[in-house]
Amino acid sequence: MVYEYLNRQQIPVLAIELDGKEHYTDEVVKERDRKKNEICKAHNLHIIRVENSYARRYNHIKEILVGYFKVRH
């Protein structure tokens, strides 16, 4: 979770989730992700999904975050 400060309060602005193959094949997981996406959208919380195979590819994740913050700020 990434936070920004607003009036001395931490406000969540970004969540990062690692997704394995079950996020694309398991109906229970897909439904849970759908609900999570709705909650994030309703609260203006961005969620970045990263495929598990990239979990240890730190430069790839860094590029995702740099791109995100360039657009956001």
PDB file of N, CA and C in Angstrom:
ATOM      1  N   MET A   1       0.846  -1.153   0.000  1.00  0.00           N
ATOM      2  CA  MET A   1       0.000   0.000   0.000  1.00  0.00           C
ATOM      3  C   MET A   1       0.903   1.231   0.000  1.00  0.00           C
ATOM      4  N   VAL A   2       0.528   2.209  -0.794  1.00  0.00           N
ATOM      5  CA  VAL A   2       1.244   3.476  -0.866  1.00  0.00           C
ATOM      6  C   VAL A   2       0.297   4.557  -0.348  1.00  0.00           C
ATOM      7  N   TYR A   3       0.832   5.419   0.505  1.00  0.00           N
ATOM      8  CA  TYR A   3       0.030   6.461   1.125  1.00  0.00           C
ATOM      9  C   TYR A   3       0.548   7.844   0.751  1.00  0.00           C
ATOM     10  N   GLU A   4      -0.348   8.820   0.803  1.00  0.00           N
ATOM     11  CA  GLU A   4       0.014  10.228   0.727  1.00  0.00           C
ATOM     12  C   GLU A   4      -0.485  10.871   2.015  1.00  0.00           C
ATOM     13  N   TYR A   5       0.195  11.933   2.407  1.00  0.00           N
ATOM     14  CA  TYR A   5      -0.253  12.659   3.591  1.00  0.00           C
ATOM     15  C   TYR A   5      -1.190  13.784   3.197  1.00  0.00           C
ATOM     16  N   LEU A   6      -2.286  13.901   3.921  1.00  0.00           N
ATOM     17  CA  LEU A   6      -3.246  14.974   3.728  1.00  0.00           C
ATOM     18  C   LEU A   6      -3.678  15.431   5.118  1.00  0.00           C
ATOM     19  N   ASN A   7      -3.316  16.663   5.456  1.00  0.00           N
ATOM     20  CA  ASN A   7      -3.645  17.196   6.789  1.00  0.00           C
ATOM     21  C   ASN A   7      -3.173  16.260   7.895  1.00  0.00           C
ATOM     22  N   ARG A   8      -1.931  15.825   7.770  1.00  0.00           N
ATOM     23  CA  ARG A   8      -1.286  14.953   8.773  1.00  0.00           C
ATOM     24  C   ARG A   8      -1.888  13.552   8.858  1.00  0.00           C
ATOM     25  N   GLN A   9      -2.727  13.193   7.917  1.00  0.00           N
ATOM     26  CA  GLN A   9      -3.296  11.855   7.893  1.00  0.00           C
ATOM     27  C   GLN A   9      -2.762  11.093   6.692  1.00  0.00           C
ATOM     28  N   GLN A  10      -2.497   9.820   6.885  1.00  0.00           N
ATOM     29  CA  GLN A  10      -2.085   8.978   5.771  1.00  0.00           C
ATOM     30  C   GLN A  10      -3.326   8.538   5.007  1.00  0.00           C
ATOM     31  N   ILE A  11      -3.336   8.848   3.721  1.00  0.00           N
ATOM     32  CA  ILE A  11      -4.449   8.477   2.860  1.00  0.00           C
ATOM     33  C   ILE A  11      -3.936   7.441   1.863  1.00  0.00           C
ATOM     34  N   PRO A  12      -4.514   6.240   1.826  1.00  0.00           N
ATOM     35  CA  PRO A  12      -4.054   5.249   0.843  1.00  0.00           C
ATOM     36  C   PRO A  12      -4.433   5.696  -0.566  1.00  0.00           C
ATOM     37  N   VAL A  13      -3.464   5.613  -1.483  1.00  0.00           N
ATOM     38  CA  VAL A  13      -3.712   6.029  -2.865  1.00  0.00           C
ATOM     39  C   VAL A  13      -3.420   4.929  -3.874  1.00  0.00           C
ATOM     40  N   LEU A  14      -2.697   3.912  -3.449  1.00  0.00           N
ATOM     41  CA  LEU A  14      -2.263   2.892  -4.387  1.00  0.00           C
ATOM     42  C   LEU A  14      -2.053   1.571  -3.671  1.00  0.00           C
ATOM     43  N   ALA A  15      -2.556   0.515  -4.280  1.00  0.00           N
ATOM     44  CA  ALA A  15      -2.319  -0.836  -3.780  1.00  0.00           C
ATOM     45  C   ALA A  15      -1.647  -1.627  -4.898  1.00  0.00           C
ATOM     46  N   ILE A  16      -0.742  -2.492  -4.525  1.00  0.00           N
ATOM     47  CA  ILE A  16      -0.054  -3.350  -5.487  1.00  0.00           C
ATOM     48  C   ILE A  16      -0.368  -4.788  -5.104  1.00  0.00           C
ATOM     49  N   GLU A  17      -0.823  -5.561  -6.087  1.00  0.00           N
ATOM     50  CA  GLU A  17      -1.164  -6.950  -5.818  1.00  0.00           C
ATOM     51  C   GLU A  17      -0.460  -7.853  -6.812  1.00  0.00           C
ATOM     52  N   LEU A  18       0.134  -8.907  -6.288  1.00  0.00           N
ATOM     53  CA  LEU A  18       0.747  -9.916  -7.144  1.00  0.00           C
ATOM     54  C   LEU A  18      -0.310 -10.956  -7.483  1.00  0.00           C
ATOM     55  N   ASP A  19      -0.472 -11.218  -8.756  1.00  0.00           N
ATOM     56  CA  ASP A  19      -1.484 -12.160  -9.230  1.00  0.00           C
ATOM     57  C   ASP A  19      -0.838 -13.394  -9.836  1.00  0.00           C
ATOM     58  N   GLY A  20      -1.242 -14.540  -9.336  1.00  0.00           N
ATOM     59  CA  GLY A  20      -0.823 -15.806  -9.924  1.00  0.00           C
ATOM     60  C   GLY A  20      -1.874 -16.287 -10.906  1.00  0.00           C
ATOM     61  N   LYS A  21      -1.653 -17.478 -11.441  1.00  0.00           N
ATOM     62  CA  LYS A  21      -2.565 -17.994 -12.467  1.00  0.00           C
ATOM     63  C   LYS A  21      -3.984 -18.186 -11.933  1.00  0.00           C
ATOM     64  N   GLU A  22      -4.121 -18.380 -10.615  1.00  0.00           N
ATOM     65  CA  GLU A  22      -5.451 -18.566 -10.045  1.00  0.00           C
ATOM     66  C   GLU A  22      -6.324 -17.317 -10.192  1.00  0.00           C
ATOM     67  N   HIS A  23      -5.708 -16.176 -10.384  1.00  0.00           N
ATOM     68  CA  HIS A  23      -6.461 -14.938 -10.574  1.00  0.00           C
ATOM     69  C   HIS A  23      -7.133 -14.893 -11.949  1.00  0.00           C
ATOM     70  N   TYR A  24      -6.746 -15.787 -12.819  1.00  0.00           N
ATOM     71  CA  TYR A  24      -7.314 -15.842 -14.167  1.00  0.00           C
ATOM     72  C   TYR A  24      -8.136 -17.109 -14.401  1.00  0.00           C
ATOM     73  N   THR A  25      -7.970 -18.111 -13.522  1.00  0.00           N
ATOM     74  CA  THR A  25      -8.614 -19.395 -13.764  1.00  0.00           C
ATOM     75  C   THR A  25      -9.615 -19.808 -12.686  1.00  0.00           C
ATOM     76  N   ASP A  26      -9.425 -19.365 -11.463  1.00  0.00           N
ATOM     77  CA  ASP A  26     -10.272 -19.774 -10.342  1.00  0.00           C
ATOM     78  C   ASP A  26     -11.415 -18.770 -10.184  1.00  0.00           C
ATOM     79  N   GLU A  27     -12.645 -19.249 -10.341  1.00  0.00           N
ATOM     80  CA  GLU A  27     -13.816 -18.356 -10.304  1.00  0.00           C
ATOM     81  C   GLU A  27     -13.973 -17.661  -8.946  1.00  0.00           C
ATOM     82  N   VAL A  28     -13.627 -18.334  -7.867  1.00  0.00           N
ATOM     83  CA  VAL A  28     -13.727 -17.729  -6.538  1.00  0.00           C
ATOM     84  C   VAL A  28     -12.749 -16.563  -6.423  1.00  0.00           C
ATOM     85  N   VAL A  29     -11.538 -16.770  -6.872  1.00  0.00           N
ATOM     86  CA  VAL A  29     -10.512 -15.720  -6.820  1.00  0.00           C
ATOM     87  C   VAL A  29     -10.891 -14.572  -7.754  1.00  0.00           C
ATOM     88  N   LYS A  30     -11.392 -14.899  -8.930  1.00  0.00           N
ATOM     89  CA  LYS A  30     -11.809 -13.862  -9.882  1.00  0.00           C
ATOM     90  C   LYS A  30     -12.927 -12.996  -9.288  1.00  0.00           C
ATOM     91  N   GLU A  31     -13.873 -13.619  -8.606  1.00  0.00           N
ATOM     92  CA  GLU A  31     -14.966 -12.871  -7.986  1.00  0.00           C
ATOM     93  C   GLU A  31     -14.438 -11.987  -6.858  1.00  0.00           C
ATOM     94  N   ARG A  32     -13.507 -12.518  -6.071  1.00  0.00           N
ATOM     95  CA  ARG A  32     -12.895 -11.737  -4.989  1.00  0.00           C
ATOM     96  C   ARG A  32     -12.149 -10.529  -5.556  1.00  0.00           C
ATOM     97  N   ASP A  33     -11.433 -10.728  -6.660  1.00  0.00           N
ATOM     98  CA  ASP A  33     -10.723  -9.628  -7.304  1.00  0.00           C
ATOM     99  C   ASP A  33     -11.700  -8.590  -7.859  1.00  0.00           C
ATOM    100  N   ARG A  34     -12.825  -9.053  -8.395  1.00  0.00           N
ATOM    101  CA  ARG A  34     -13.830  -8.128  -8.918  1.00  0.00           C
ATOM    102  C   ARG A  34     -14.354  -7.233  -7.794  1.00  0.00           C
ATOM    103  N   LYS A  35     -14.639  -7.834  -6.648  1.00  0.00           N
ATOM    104  CA  LYS A  35     -15.118  -7.067  -5.497  1.00  0.00           C
ATOM    105  C   LYS A  35     -14.053  -6.087  -5.014  1.00  0.00           C
ATOM    106  N   LYS A  36     -12.827  -6.557  -4.974  1.00  0.00           N
ATOM    107  CA  LYS A  36     -11.718  -5.703  -4.549  1.00  0.00           C
ATOM    108  C   LYS A  36     -11.569  -4.514  -5.488  1.00  0.00           C
ATOM    109  N   ASN A  37     -11.697  -4.756  -6.788  1.00  0.00           N
ATOM    110  CA  ASN A  37     -11.617  -3.670  -7.767  1.00  0.00           C
ATOM    111  C   ASN A  37     -12.735  -2.652  -7.548  1.00  0.00           C
ATOM    112  N   GLU A  38     -13.945  -3.117  -7.263  1.00  0.00           N
ATOM    113  CA  GLU A  38     -15.075  -2.226  -7.015  1.00  0.00           C
ATOM    114  C   GLU A  38     -14.834  -1.360  -5.777  1.00  0.00           C
ATOM    115  N   ILE A  39     -14.326  -1.973  -4.720  1.00  0.00           N
ATOM    116  CA  ILE A  39     -14.045  -1.237  -3.485  1.00  0.00           C
ATOM    117  C   ILE A  39     -12.989  -0.173  -3.740  1.00  0.00           C
ATOM    118  N   CYS A  40     -11.934  -0.550  -4.427  1.00  0.00           N
ATOM    119  CA  CYS A  40     -10.865   0.405  -4.728  1.00  0.00           C
ATOM    120  C   CYS A  40     -11.391   1.557  -5.573  1.00  0.00           C
ATOM    121  N   LYS A  41     -12.180   1.241  -6.570  1.00  0.00           N
ATOM    122  CA  LYS A  41     -12.730   2.281  -7.440  1.00  0.00           C
ATOM    123  C   LYS A  41     -13.641   3.219  -6.652  1.00  0.00           C
ATOM    124  N   ALA A  42     -14.475   2.665  -5.798  1.00  0.00           N
ATOM    125  CA  ALA A  42     -15.402   3.476  -5.012  1.00  0.00           C
ATOM    126  C   ALA A  42     -14.680   4.438  -4.075  1.00  0.00           C
ATOM    127  N   HIS A  43     -13.467   4.079  -3.671  1.00  0.00           N
ATOM    128  CA  HIS A  43     -12.700   4.906  -2.745  1.00  0.00           C
ATOM    129  C   HIS A  43     -11.521   5.606  -3.409  1.00  0.00           C
ATOM    130  N   ASN A  44     -11.559   5.642  -4.745  1.00  0.00           N
ATOM    131  CA  ASN A  44     -10.512   6.304  -5.530  1.00  0.00           C
ATOM    132  C   ASN A  44      -9.117   5.789  -5.175  1.00  0.00           C
ATOM    133  N   LEU A  45      -9.027   4.498  -4.950  1.00  0.00           N
ATOM    134  CA  LEU A  45      -7.761   3.849  -4.634  1.00  0.00           C
ATOM    135  C   LEU A  45      -7.328   3.052  -5.858  1.00  0.00           C
ATOM    136  N   HIS A  46      -6.197   3.389  -6.394  1.00  0.00           N
ATOM    137  CA  HIS A  46      -5.706   2.691  -7.577  1.00  0.00           C
ATOM    138  C   HIS A  46      -5.077   1.367  -7.158  1.00  0.00           C
ATOM    139  N   ILE A  47      -5.258   0.370  -7.989  1.00  0.00           N
ATOM    140  CA  ILE A  47      -4.656  -0.936  -7.735  1.00  0.00           C
ATOM    141  C   ILE A  47      -3.876  -1.343  -8.978  1.00  0.00           C
ATOM    142  N   ILE A  48      -2.637  -1.697  -8.750  1.00  0.00           N
ATOM    143  CA  ILE A  48      -1.775  -2.176  -9.832  1.00  0.00           C
ATOM    144  C   ILE A  48      -1.580  -3.665  -9.621  1.00  0.00           C
ATOM    145  N   ARG A  49      -1.920  -4.419 -10.626  1.00  0.00           N
ATOM    146  CA  ARG A  49      -1.769  -5.876 -10.557  1.00  0.00           C
ATOM    147  C   ARG A  49      -0.504  -6.274 -11.318  1.00  0.00           C
ATOM    148  N   VAL A  50       0.332  -7.041 -10.651  1.00  0.00           N
ATOM    149  CA  VAL A  50       1.589  -7.500 -11.228  1.00  0.00           C
ATOM    150  C   VAL A  50       1.565  -9.021 -11.238  1.00  0.00           C
ATOM    151  N   GLU A  51       1.840  -9.591 -12.368  1.00  0.00           N
ATOM    152  CA  GLU A  51       1.867 -11.042 -12.483  1.00  0.00           C
ATOM    153  C   GLU A  51       2.972 -11.611 -11.592  1.00  0.00           C
ATOM    154  N   ASN A  52       2.683 -12.714 -10.911  1.00  0.00           N
ATOM    155  CA  ASN A  52       3.648 -13.337  -9.996  1.00  0.00           C
ATOM    156  C   ASN A  52       5.023 -13.553 -10.610  1.00  0.00           C
ATOM    157  N   SER A  53       5.050 -13.861 -11.887  1.00  0.00           N
ATOM    158  CA  SER A  53       6.339 -14.143 -12.531  1.00  0.00           C
ATOM    159  C   SER A  53       7.256 -12.921 -12.509  1.00  0.00           C
ATOM    160  N   TYR A  54       6.695 -11.737 -12.248  1.00  0.00           N
ATOM    161  CA  TYR A  54       7.501 -10.518 -12.184  1.00  0.00           C
ATOM    162  C   TYR A  54       7.868 -10.132 -10.755  1.00  0.00           C
ATOM    163  N   ALA A  55       7.480 -10.933  -9.778  1.00  0.00           N
ATOM    164  CA  ALA A  55       7.661 -10.582  -8.370  1.00  0.00           C
ATOM    165  C   ALA A  55       9.109 -10.269  -8.020  1.00  0.00           C
ATOM    166  N   ARG A  56      10.036 -10.966  -8.597  1.00  0.00           N
ATOM    167  CA  ARG A  56      11.443 -10.722  -8.279  1.00  0.00           C
ATOM    168  C   ARG A  56      12.154  -9.887  -9.349  1.00  0.00           C
ATOM    169  N   ARG A  57      11.396  -9.417 -10.286  1.00  0.00           N
ATOM    170  CA  ARG A  57      11.968  -8.538 -11.315  1.00  0.00           C
ATOM    171  C   ARG A  57      11.740  -7.099 -10.884  1.00  0.00           C
ATOM    172  N   TYR A  58      12.601  -6.660  -9.971  1.00  0.00           N
ATOM    173  CA  TYR A  58      12.410  -5.375  -9.319  1.00  0.00           C
ATOM    174  C   TYR A  58      12.417  -4.214 -10.310  1.00  0.00           C
ATOM    175  N   ASN A  59      13.231  -4.295 -11.331  1.00  0.00           N
ATOM    176  CA  ASN A  59      13.269  -3.208 -12.314  1.00  0.00           C
ATOM    177  C   ASN A  59      11.938  -3.092 -13.044  1.00  0.00           C
ATOM    178  N   HIS A  60      11.301  -4.213 -13.330  1.00  0.00           N
ATOM    179  CA  HIS A  60       9.998  -4.179 -13.989  1.00  0.00           C
ATOM    180  C   HIS A  60       8.970  -3.488 -13.093  1.00  0.00           C
ATOM    181  N   ILE A  61       8.946  -3.847 -11.843  1.00  0.00           N
ATOM    182  CA  ILE A  61       8.001  -3.233 -10.909  1.00  0.00           C
ATOM    183  C   ILE A  61       8.337  -1.755 -10.725  1.00  0.00           C
ATOM    184  N   LYS A  62       9.610  -1.432 -10.671  1.00  0.00           N
ATOM    185  CA  LYS A  62      10.017  -0.032 -10.562  1.00  0.00           C
ATOM    186  C   LYS A  62       9.518   0.763 -11.764  1.00  0.00           C
ATOM    187  N   GLU A  63       9.618   0.205 -12.956  1.00  0.00           N
ATOM    188  CA  GLU A  63       9.131   0.890 -14.158  1.00  0.00           C
ATOM    189  C   GLU A  63       7.628   1.128 -14.084  1.00  0.00           C
ATOM    190  N   ILE A  64       6.889   0.161 -13.581  1.00  0.00           N
ATOM    191  CA  ILE A  64       5.443   0.321 -13.415  1.00  0.00           C
ATOM    192  C   ILE A  64       5.150   1.485 -12.477  1.00  0.00           C
ATOM    193  N   LEU A  65       5.851   1.538 -11.354  1.00  0.00           N
ATOM    194  CA  LEU A  65       5.609   2.590 -10.375  1.00  0.00           C
ATOM    195  C   LEU A  65       6.039   3.959 -10.883  1.00  0.00           C
ATOM    196  N   VAL A  66       7.170   4.026 -11.543  1.00  0.00           N
ATOM    197  CA  VAL A  66       7.622   5.305 -12.104  1.00  0.00           C
ATOM    198  C   VAL A  66       6.601   5.814 -13.115  1.00  0.00           C
ATOM    199  N   GLY A  67       6.108   4.937 -13.968  1.00  0.00           N
ATOM    200  CA  GLY A  67       5.081   5.318 -14.941  1.00  0.00           C
ATOM    201  C   GLY A  67       3.802   5.781 -14.257  1.00  0.00           C
ATOM    202  N   TYR A  68       3.418   5.090 -13.220  1.00  0.00           N
ATOM    203  CA  TYR A  68       2.207   5.463 -12.483  1.00  0.00           C
ATOM    204  C   TYR A  68       2.346   6.871 -11.911  1.00  0.00           C
ATOM    205  N   PHE A  69       3.462   7.151 -11.250  1.00  0.00           N
ATOM    206  CA  PHE A  69       3.616   8.437 -10.590  1.00  0.00           C
ATOM    207  C   PHE A  69       3.870   9.573 -11.572  1.00  0.00           C
ATOM    208  N   LYS A  70       4.407   9.282 -12.734  1.00  0.00           N
ATOM    209  CA  LYS A  70       4.555  10.326 -13.755  1.00  0.00           C
ATOM    210  C   LYS A  70       3.189  10.820 -14.202  1.00  0.00           C
ATOM    211  N   VAL A  71       2.260   9.901 -14.373  1.00  0.00           N
ATOM    212  CA  VAL A  71       0.910  10.261 -14.811  1.00  0.00           C
ATOM    213  C   VAL A  71       0.145  10.936 -13.681  1.00  0.00           C
ATOM    214  N   ARG A  72       0.326  10.458 -12.480  1.00  0.00           N
ATOM    215  CA  ARG A  72      -0.448  10.944 -11.330  1.00  0.00           C
ATOM    216  C   ARG A  72      -0.003  12.316 -10.869  1.00  0.00           C
ATOM    217  N   HIS A  73       1.275  12.629 -10.990  1.00  0.00           N
ATOM    218  CA  HIS A  73       1.767  13.916 -10.456  1.00  0.00           C
ATOM    219  C   HIS A  73       2.272  14.748 -11.569  1.00  0.00           C
TER     220      HIS A  73
END
